[in-house]
Amino acid sequence: MSRFAVDPTGTHLTRDGVPWPLVADTVWGAFADVQPQEWRDHLELRRHQGFTAIAVSALPILHDRSIWDGALNPFAAREAGTWDLDRPEQAYYDRVREYAQVATELGMALVVIAQWCTYGTDTWASKIVSWGVLDEGQRRAHVTRLLAAVEGCDVIMSVTGDDRYDGPAQAEWLDLARQLRAEAPDLVLTTHLTPEVMPAEELLEQLDFFTYQSGHDRAHPELAHTLAEPFLARSKPAPVVNLEPCYEFHGFGHVRTGRFSAHDVRTAAWASLLGGAAAGIGYGAHGVWQWHRREGRFLSSEWSMEPLPWSVAARLPGADGMGLLGRLWLEHRMWRLLPAQHLVTDDHGSLRVGASNDQSLVAVHLPAARPVEIEADLAGHRVRAWDCATGAEFTPTVEVVDQRTLISQPEVFSDCLVVFTAETT
């Protein structure tokens, strides 16, 4: 029996019946490129910071990884550098088993992408690396091996990763989802999207919760919250998570003018949570997600810019902000939040407001210090605030005038979160 489930309210996931925030670090290349002691050390670090999960790809992402000589392949290698997809390497699946067991031992869940879109027929990624496409028999055999490797471990499964859901692979993803349902009926299931796409309804019906990717395009920060909207509009509620907001230190896409900062990452994370993706958040450090080594050769520098070595990237400061998000999520039961931008009269499109249906919980994230007017009388609420850059709690200046709640400009140097809770909650 899986330890994970969807709460009957459809707002969040539970672990052993207790509300559980999905706060996921991203190490897509874990099984191929991370050495055993590195894996344990990294999970210890992320657990200490407050992460609850690690997102991994079951198979290496062939077009978007850091190449080095010590990688472990899932299939037998050919002299030309391709793989014999009919000859799986048992040592690879043994590592999957070992790493899943270590994560479970440390109390961390794995969000495993069963088959990245690179391995699907005629996807945008398999057009870049065509020799990795799995036929039906190879795909089904891989899924069976994968499920055997993670059996008994704390795992959530994603059907595929980074697909646009617009081509012939859609039948493959649906078959894969049905196979997962048949062979592991207790698994909690989702799928991972590129920005601004929606899978076919047949596949959506197979899923327990929804994730999206607001991505790494500097020009469209609004996607962090707008992409939650179609999932919130569905007739049957289900948890929603932005699994891939902008990665810290990642370049601004093809616009090579800068990199996403810890502030950018926190702003995207809180915009997602307060914008409707209230079940958790994903995080990526540019250098960790592909486990880049100094001797490695990263394949996607044109889009992402050159990464840091993983050991450096693991210490980027934005990760601490994700741990704070997870702790506040539990303390204030933030799974109740829904978008509440209508409560702000002087909205300039940057700050985000979320509130529970009864307004017993109202949360405001300010990317920069500024005064705010809330169109609600929150006089009976307790107010608390945090400097998101440092994690320090501070006392904001708040007053209620003419049934409006006024937050004076916080005296912080970066972004902050202000939370109002009714005394009865």
Protein backbone atom coordinates (compact mmCIF):
# COMPACT_ATOMS: atom_id res chain seq x y z
CA MET A 1 0.00 0.00 0.00
CA SER A 2 1.39 3.41 -0.98
CA ARG A 3 2.06 5.85 1.83
CA PHE A 4 0.89 8.67 -0.45
CA ALA A 5 -2.66 9.58 -1.36
CA VAL A 6 -4.80 12.51 -2.42
CA ASP A 7 -6.74 14.09 0.43
CA PRO A 8 -10.54 13.75 0.01
CA THR A 9 -10.75 17.54 -0.42
CA GLY A 10 -8.63 17.26 -3.56
CA THR A 11 -6.42 20.12 -2.42
CA HIS A 12 -3.23 18.35 -1.37
CA LEU A 13 -1.34 15.10 -0.98
CA THR A 14 -1.09 13.12 2.23
CA ARG A 15 1.57 10.82 3.59
CA ASP A 16 0.27 8.18 5.99
CA GLY A 17 -2.93 10.21 6.22
CA VAL A 18 -1.17 13.46 7.24
CA PRO A 19 -1.00 16.58 5.01
CA TRP A 20 2.27 16.49 3.10
CA PRO A 21 3.84 19.28 1.03
CA LEU A 22 5.56 18.12 -2.15
CA VAL A 23 8.74 20.23 -1.95
CA ALA A 24 10.92 18.59 -4.58
CA ASP A 25 14.55 19.20 -5.47
CA THR A 26 15.38 18.25 -9.06
CA VAL A 27 18.14 15.73 -9.85
CA TRP A 28 16.95 14.40 -13.21
CA GLY A 29 20.24 12.60 -13.86
CA ALA A 30 20.49 10.84 -10.49
CA PHE A 31 20.49 7.20 -11.53
CA ALA A 32 23.00 7.57 -14.36
CA ASP A 33 25.36 10.22 -13.03
CA VAL A 34 25.32 10.41 -9.23
CA GLN A 35 27.68 8.19 -7.25
CA PRO A 36 26.29 6.37 -4.17
CA GLN A 37 27.96 8.50 -1.49
CA GLU A 38 27.13 11.67 -3.41
CA TRP A 39 23.48 10.59 -3.46
CA ARG A 40 23.31 10.04 0.28
CA ASP A 41 25.15 13.27 1.05
CA HIS A 42 22.88 15.30 -1.23
CA LEU A 43 19.72 13.84 0.25
CA GLU A 44 21.00 14.57 3.76
CA LEU A 45 21.56 18.20 2.72
CA ARG A 46 18.13 18.61 1.14
CA ARG A 47 16.40 16.90 4.07
CA HIS A 48 18.15 19.30 6.43
CA GLN A 49 16.97 22.25 4.32
CA GLY A 50 13.36 21.07 4.48
CA PHE A 51 12.81 19.35 1.15
CA THR A 52 10.44 16.39 1.17
CA ALA A 53 11.15 14.85 -2.25
CA ILE A 54 13.60 14.51 -5.13
CA ALA A 55 12.44 14.55 -8.77
CA VAL A 56 14.41 12.12 -10.95
CA SER A 57 14.20 10.73 -14.47
CA ALA A 58 14.16 6.95 -14.63
CA LEU A 59 16.30 7.15 -17.78
CA PRO A 60 18.99 9.73 -18.69
CA ILE A 61 17.74 12.78 -20.60
CA LEU A 62 19.75 12.17 -23.75
CA HIS A 63 19.59 15.64 -25.30
CA ASP A 64 19.96 17.66 -22.10
CA ARG A 65 22.60 16.32 -19.73
CA SER A 66 26.22 16.68 -18.66
CA ILE A 67 28.40 14.01 -20.29
CA TRP A 68 31.26 12.40 -18.35
CA ASP A 69 33.14 9.09 -18.49
CA GLY A 70 31.74 7.55 -15.29
CA ALA A 71 28.04 7.50 -16.19
CA LEU A 72 26.09 4.27 -15.72
CA ASN A 73 23.98 3.38 -18.77
CA PRO A 74 20.57 1.68 -18.56
CA PHE A 75 21.25 -0.32 -21.71
CA ALA A 76 24.31 -1.99 -23.22
CA ALA A 77 26.46 0.49 -25.13
CA ARG A 78 27.38 0.11 -28.77
CA GLU A 79 30.70 1.22 -30.21
CA ALA A 80 29.03 4.17 -31.94
CA GLY A 81 27.93 5.53 -28.55
CA THR A 82 24.29 4.51 -28.92
CA TRP A 83 22.58 1.80 -26.85
CA ASP A 84 21.16 -1.62 -27.61
CA LEU A 85 17.64 -1.04 -26.28
CA ASP A 86 16.99 -4.80 -26.18
CA ARG A 87 19.83 -5.34 -23.69
CA PRO A 88 19.07 -3.63 -20.37
CA GLU A 89 21.87 -3.30 -17.82
CA GLN A 90 20.78 -4.86 -14.54
CA ALA A 91 23.39 -2.80 -12.67
CA TYR A 92 21.46 0.33 -13.61
CA TYR A 93 18.17 -0.93 -12.19
CA ASP A 94 20.03 -2.20 -9.11
CA ARG A 95 21.17 1.39 -8.59
CA VAL A 96 17.59 2.60 -8.96
CA ARG A 97 16.65 0.17 -6.22
CA GLU A 98 19.53 1.26 -3.99
CA TYR A 99 18.83 4.98 -4.41
CA ALA A 100 15.09 4.56 -3.82
CA GLN A 101 15.85 2.65 -0.62
CA VAL A 102 18.25 5.35 0.61
CA ALA A 103 15.66 8.05 -0.06
CA THR A 104 13.01 6.09 1.83
CA GLU A 105 15.39 5.51 4.72
CA LEU A 106 15.99 9.26 4.96
CA GLY A 107 12.29 10.09 4.78
CA MET A 108 12.47 11.54 1.27
CA ALA A 109 10.07 10.62 -1.51
CA LEU A 110 11.12 10.18 -5.13
CA VAL A 111 9.05 11.65 -7.97
CA VAL A 112 10.16 9.37 -10.78
CA ILE A 113 9.56 10.23 -14.45
CA ALA A 114 8.93 6.77 -15.89
CA GLN A 115 9.96 7.63 -19.47
CA TRP A 116 11.22 11.07 -20.51
CA CYS A 117 9.81 12.33 -23.78
CA THR A 118 13.22 11.72 -25.40
CA TYR A 119 12.24 8.05 -25.58
CA GLY A 120 8.85 8.60 -27.25
CA THR A 121 8.00 8.47 -30.94
CA ASP A 122 8.46 11.72 -32.86
CA THR A 123 8.54 14.05 -29.87
CA TRP A 124 10.44 17.34 -30.02
CA ALA A 125 13.22 15.73 -27.95
CA SER A 126 13.47 12.45 -29.85
CA LYS A 127 13.91 14.48 -33.03
CA ILE A 128 17.17 15.69 -31.47
CA VAL A 129 18.33 12.20 -30.36
CA SER A 130 16.43 9.68 -32.46
CA TRP A 131 18.23 6.48 -31.48
CA GLY A 132 16.68 6.35 -27.99
CA VAL A 133 13.05 5.78 -28.96
CA LEU A 134 11.65 2.68 -27.23
CA ASP A 135 9.24 0.44 -29.10
CA GLU A 136 6.21 -0.96 -27.30
CA GLY A 137 7.93 -4.09 -26.05
CA GLN A 138 11.02 -2.20 -24.87
CA ARG A 139 8.89 0.43 -23.14
CA ARG A 140 6.70 -2.05 -21.32
CA ALA A 141 9.70 -4.13 -20.24
CA HIS A 142 11.41 -0.99 -18.90
CA VAL A 143 8.34 0.00 -16.88
CA THR A 144 8.09 -3.46 -15.36
CA ARG A 145 11.78 -3.38 -14.37
CA LEU A 146 11.38 0.13 -12.95
CA LEU A 147 8.39 -0.83 -10.83
CA ALA A 148 10.23 -3.86 -9.49
CA ALA A 149 13.19 -1.65 -8.57
CA VAL A 150 11.12 0.87 -6.56
CA GLU A 151 8.70 -1.61 -4.99
CA GLY A 152 8.19 -0.92 -1.31
CA CYS A 153 9.88 2.50 -1.50
CA ASP A 154 8.39 5.97 -1.11
CA VAL A 155 7.75 6.81 -4.74
CA ILE A 156 5.36 8.96 -6.74
CA MET A 157 5.36 8.24 -10.46
CA SER A 158 5.13 10.62 -13.42
CA VAL A 159 4.17 9.11 -16.78
CA THR A 160 6.55 11.18 -18.88
CA GLY A 161 8.56 14.37 -18.71
CA ASP A 162 8.76 17.64 -20.65
CA ASP A 163 6.49 16.56 -23.48
CA ARG A 164 4.28 18.84 -25.57
CA TYR A 165 1.53 16.19 -25.82
CA ASP A 166 0.92 16.93 -29.48
CA GLY A 167 2.10 13.93 -31.49
CA PRO A 168 2.05 10.15 -31.94
CA ALA A 169 3.68 9.53 -28.57
CA GLN A 170 0.36 10.38 -26.90
CA ALA A 171 -0.85 6.82 -27.46
CA GLU A 172 2.39 5.59 -25.87
CA TRP A 173 1.92 7.77 -22.78
CA LEU A 174 -1.65 6.58 -22.36
CA ASP A 175 -0.54 2.95 -22.65
CA LEU A 176 2.27 3.64 -20.16
CA ALA A 177 -0.19 5.20 -17.68
CA ARG A 178 -2.52 2.22 -18.00
CA GLN A 179 0.38 -0.16 -17.45
CA LEU A 180 1.36 1.70 -14.28
CA ARG A 181 -2.23 1.52 -13.08
CA ALA A 182 -2.40 -2.20 -13.80
CA GLU A 183 0.96 -3.20 -12.31
CA ALA A 184 1.06 -0.75 -9.38
CA PRO A 185 -2.51 0.33 -8.64
CA ASP A 186 -1.59 2.06 -5.36
CA LEU A 187 0.96 4.43 -6.92
CA VAL A 188 0.08 8.12 -6.94
CA LEU A 189 0.40 9.22 -10.56
CA THR A 190 1.00 12.49 -12.40
CA THR A 191 2.77 13.70 -15.55
CA HIS A 192 5.24 16.52 -16.28
CA LEU A 193 4.53 19.16 -18.94
CA THR A 194 6.31 21.76 -20.99
CA PRO A 195 4.89 25.27 -20.47
CA GLU A 196 1.46 26.11 -21.85
CA VAL A 197 0.38 22.63 -22.95
CA MET A 198 -2.40 20.31 -21.85
CA PRO A 199 -2.50 16.52 -22.31
CA ALA A 200 -5.53 14.83 -23.81
CA GLU A 201 -8.43 14.18 -21.45
CA GLU A 202 -7.89 10.41 -21.65
CA LEU A 203 -4.48 10.81 -20.05
CA LEU A 204 -5.62 13.41 -17.52
CA GLU A 205 -8.25 10.98 -16.30
CA GLN A 206 -5.49 8.52 -15.39
CA LEU A 207 -3.77 11.01 -13.08
CA ASP A 208 -4.19 11.60 -9.34
CA PHE A 209 -2.77 15.11 -9.31
CA PHE A 210 -1.44 17.67 -11.76
CA THR A 211 1.93 19.31 -12.23
CA TYR A 212 2.98 21.99 -14.67
CA GLN A 213 6.17 23.77 -15.68
CA SER A 214 6.30 27.56 -15.74
CA GLY A 215 9.81 27.21 -17.11
CA HIS A 216 12.85 29.33 -17.79
CA ASP A 217 11.65 32.14 -20.07
CA ARG A 218 12.43 35.47 -18.44
CA ALA A 219 9.76 37.20 -20.54
CA HIS A 220 6.84 35.30 -19.00
CA PRO A 221 7.00 35.22 -15.19
CA GLU A 222 3.18 35.25 -15.09
CA LEU A 223 3.15 31.59 -16.14
CA ALA A 224 4.01 30.68 -12.55
CA HIS A 225 0.40 31.38 -11.58
CA THR A 226 -1.61 31.42 -14.82
CA LEU A 227 -0.75 27.82 -15.70
CA ALA A 228 -2.58 26.64 -12.58
CA GLU A 229 -5.88 28.07 -13.83
CA PRO A 230 -7.03 25.29 -16.21
CA PHE A 231 -6.43 22.68 -13.54
CA LEU A 232 -8.37 24.67 -10.94
CA ALA A 233 -11.26 24.97 -13.42
CA ARG A 234 -11.73 21.20 -13.72
CA SER A 235 -14.95 19.82 -12.25
CA LYS A 236 -13.15 17.33 -10.00
CA PRO A 237 -10.59 19.04 -7.75
CA ALA A 238 -7.08 17.58 -7.59
CA PRO A 239 -3.80 18.84 -6.13
CA VAL A 240 -1.72 21.12 -8.36
CA VAL A 241 2.07 21.69 -8.20
CA ASN A 242 4.43 23.82 -10.28
CA LEU A 243 7.11 21.14 -10.51
CA GLU A 244 9.47 23.19 -12.67
CA PRO A 245 9.60 26.94 -12.07
CA CYS A 246 12.74 28.77 -13.12
CA TYR A 247 15.92 27.02 -11.97
CA GLU A 248 18.35 29.01 -9.85
CA PHE A 249 21.44 30.17 -11.82
CA HIS A 250 19.84 28.94 -15.08
CA GLY A 251 20.18 31.35 -17.99
CA PHE A 252 17.23 33.35 -19.36
CA GLY A 253 16.56 30.88 -22.15
CA HIS A 254 18.09 31.95 -25.47
CA VAL A 255 18.31 35.53 -24.18
CA ARG A 256 21.79 35.21 -22.75
CA THR A 257 21.67 38.40 -20.69
CA GLY A 258 21.53 36.96 -17.19
CA ARG A 259 20.57 34.13 -14.87
CA PHE A 260 17.71 33.48 -12.49
CA SER A 261 18.53 34.49 -8.92
CA ALA A 262 17.37 33.14 -5.58
CA HIS A 263 14.91 36.05 -5.50
CA ASP A 264 13.49 35.04 -8.89
CA VAL A 265 13.06 31.46 -7.69
CA ARG A 266 11.30 32.47 -4.47
CA THR A 267 9.02 34.86 -6.33
CA ALA A 268 8.03 32.15 -8.83
CA ALA A 269 7.50 29.64 -6.01
CA TRP A 270 5.20 31.88 -3.97
CA ALA A 271 3.38 33.10 -7.09
CA SER A 272 2.66 29.46 -7.90
CA LEU A 273 1.50 28.55 -4.41
CA LEU A 274 -0.71 31.63 -3.98
CA GLY A 275 -1.87 31.39 -7.59
CA GLY A 276 -3.53 28.00 -7.21
CA ALA A 277 -0.71 25.44 -7.23
CA ALA A 278 -1.09 25.02 -3.48
CA ALA A 279 0.04 21.40 -3.06
CA GLY A 280 3.79 22.11 -3.16
CA ILE A 281 6.62 23.30 -5.36
CA GLY A 282 9.60 22.09 -7.38
CA TYR A 283 13.08 23.58 -7.24
CA GLY A 284 16.13 23.22 -9.48
CA ALA A 285 19.72 24.34 -9.05
CA HIS A 286 21.58 24.76 -12.35
CA GLY A 287 24.34 22.21 -11.95
CA VAL A 288 22.45 19.83 -9.66
CA TRP A 289 19.59 18.84 -11.97
CA GLN A 290 22.04 17.45 -14.56
CA TRP A 291 24.75 16.66 -11.93
CA HIS A 292 27.41 18.64 -13.74
CA ARG A 293 31.07 17.91 -12.98
CA ARG A 294 34.03 20.10 -13.76
CA GLU A 295 35.21 17.49 -16.22
CA GLY A 296 31.71 17.14 -17.73
CA ARG A 297 30.41 18.50 -21.03
CA PHE A 298 26.96 20.04 -20.78
CA LEU A 299 24.88 19.63 -23.94
CA SER A 300 22.46 22.57 -23.59
CA SER A 301 24.56 25.62 -22.80
CA GLU A 302 23.05 27.55 -25.71
CA TRP A 303 19.65 27.52 -23.99
CA SER A 304 20.54 27.21 -20.31
CA MET A 305 24.05 28.74 -20.12
CA GLU A 306 26.92 26.84 -18.53
CA PRO A 307 26.10 25.26 -15.15
CA LEU A 308 28.01 25.30 -11.90
CA PRO A 309 29.60 22.06 -10.67
CA TRP A 310 26.97 20.16 -8.72
CA SER A 311 28.86 20.49 -5.42
CA VAL A 312 28.74 24.29 -5.76
CA ALA A 313 25.21 24.51 -7.15
CA ALA A 314 23.86 22.44 -4.26
CA ARG A 315 24.67 25.37 -1.96
CA LEU A 316 22.87 28.06 -3.95
CA PRO A 317 20.84 30.14 -1.46
CA GLY A 318 17.42 29.73 -3.06
CA ALA A 319 17.11 26.19 -1.76
CA ASP A 320 16.68 27.43 1.81
CA GLY A 321 13.65 29.42 0.71
CA MET A 322 11.93 26.24 -0.46
CA GLY A 323 12.37 24.70 2.98
CA LEU A 324 10.77 27.78 4.54
CA LEU A 325 7.86 27.46 2.11
CA GLY A 326 7.30 23.85 3.16
CA ARG A 327 7.39 24.67 6.86
CA LEU A 328 4.95 27.57 6.51
CA TRP A 329 2.70 25.40 4.34
CA LEU A 330 2.31 22.95 7.21
CA GLU A 331 2.09 25.55 9.98
CA HIS A 332 -0.64 27.55 8.26
CA ARG A 333 -2.37 24.72 6.37
CA MET A 334 -1.72 26.52 3.11
CA TRP A 335 -3.31 23.82 0.99
CA ARG A 336 -6.52 25.81 1.61
CA LEU A 337 -5.27 28.76 -0.44
CA LEU A 338 -6.93 29.82 -3.68
CA PRO A 339 -6.03 32.79 -5.90
CA ALA A 340 -7.37 36.01 -4.32
CA GLN A 341 -5.87 38.77 -6.41
CA HIS A 342 -9.22 40.60 -6.28
CA LEU A 343 -8.40 41.53 -2.68
CA VAL A 344 -5.65 43.91 -3.85
CA THR A 345 -6.72 47.34 -5.05
CA ASP A 346 -3.26 48.57 -6.06
CA ASP A 347 -2.08 45.49 -7.90
CA HIS A 348 0.85 46.18 -10.22
CA GLY A 349 1.10 42.57 -11.38
CA SER A 350 3.96 41.50 -9.14
CA LEU A 351 2.67 40.72 -5.66
CA ARG A 352 0.41 37.69 -5.23
CA VAL A 353 -2.44 37.11 -2.79
CA GLY A 354 -4.01 33.80 -1.83
CA ALA A 355 -6.88 33.18 0.58
CA SER A 356 -9.03 30.37 1.88
CA ASN A 357 -12.69 30.41 0.89
CA ASP A 358 -13.73 31.83 4.27
CA GLN A 359 -10.75 34.23 4.45
CA SER A 360 -9.63 32.67 7.71
CA LEU A 361 -6.25 32.47 5.97
CA VAL A 362 -4.87 35.25 3.76
CA ALA A 363 -1.28 35.26 2.50
CA VAL A 364 0.52 38.02 0.59
CA HIS A 365 3.91 37.68 -1.07
CA LEU A 366 5.74 40.93 -1.87
CA PRO A 367 8.64 40.54 -4.33
CA ALA A 368 9.83 43.96 -3.18
CA ALA A 369 9.01 46.04 -0.13
CA ARG A 370 5.96 48.28 -0.69
CA PRO A 371 2.76 49.22 1.13
CA VAL A 372 -0.31 47.11 0.34
CA GLU A 373 -4.05 47.61 0.74
CA ILE A 374 -6.17 44.48 1.21
CA GLU A 375 -9.89 44.81 0.45
CA ALA A 376 -10.92 42.87 3.57
CA ASP A 377 -11.32 43.62 7.25
CA LEU A 378 -8.74 41.34 8.86
CA ALA A 379 -8.86 43.01 12.29
CA GLY A 380 -9.62 39.73 14.02
CA HIS A 381 -6.69 37.92 12.44
CA ARG A 382 -3.24 37.27 13.80
CA VAL A 383 -0.56 38.65 11.49
CA ARG A 384 2.95 37.23 11.04
CA ALA A 385 5.61 37.96 8.43
CA TRP A 386 8.90 36.53 7.17
CA ASP A 387 11.84 37.96 5.30
CA CYS A 388 12.05 35.30 2.60
CA ALA A 389 15.71 36.01 1.82
CA THR A 390 16.89 35.32 5.37
CA GLY A 391 14.03 33.20 6.74
CA ALA A 392 13.75 35.58 9.71
CA GLU A 393 10.34 36.38 11.14
CA PHE A 394 9.53 40.05 11.70
CA THR A 395 6.59 42.10 12.99
CA PRO A 396 4.85 44.06 10.23
CA THR A 397 2.91 47.27 10.79
CA VAL A 398 -0.76 46.64 9.97
CA GLU A 399 -3.94 48.64 10.59
CA VAL A 400 -7.56 48.34 9.53
CA VAL A 401 -9.23 51.46 8.14
CA ASP A 402 -12.75 51.56 6.65
CA GLN A 403 -12.83 47.72 6.47
CA ARG A 404 -9.59 47.66 4.51
CA THR A 405 -6.38 46.14 5.86
CA LEU A 406 -3.30 48.30 5.29
CA ILE A 407 0.19 46.82 5.40
CA SER A 408 2.86 49.47 5.78
CA GLN A 409 5.98 49.10 3.68
CA PRO A 410 7.98 46.28 5.33
CA GLU A 411 11.53 47.20 6.33
CA VAL A 412 13.19 44.30 4.55
CA PHE A 413 15.73 44.34 1.74
CA SER A 414 14.21 41.62 -0.45
CA ASP A 415 10.93 39.73 -0.76
CA CYS A 416 8.67 38.91 2.16
CA LEU A 417 5.54 36.97 3.06
CA VAL A 418 2.73 38.31 5.26
CA VAL A 419 0.20 35.82 6.62
CA PHE A 420 -3.14 36.60 8.32
CA THR A 421 -4.86 33.81 10.26
CA ALA A 422 -8.14 33.94 12.11
CA GLU A 423 -7.72 33.19 15.80
CA THR A 424 -10.04 30.19 15.48
CA THR A 425 -7.77 28.41 12.95
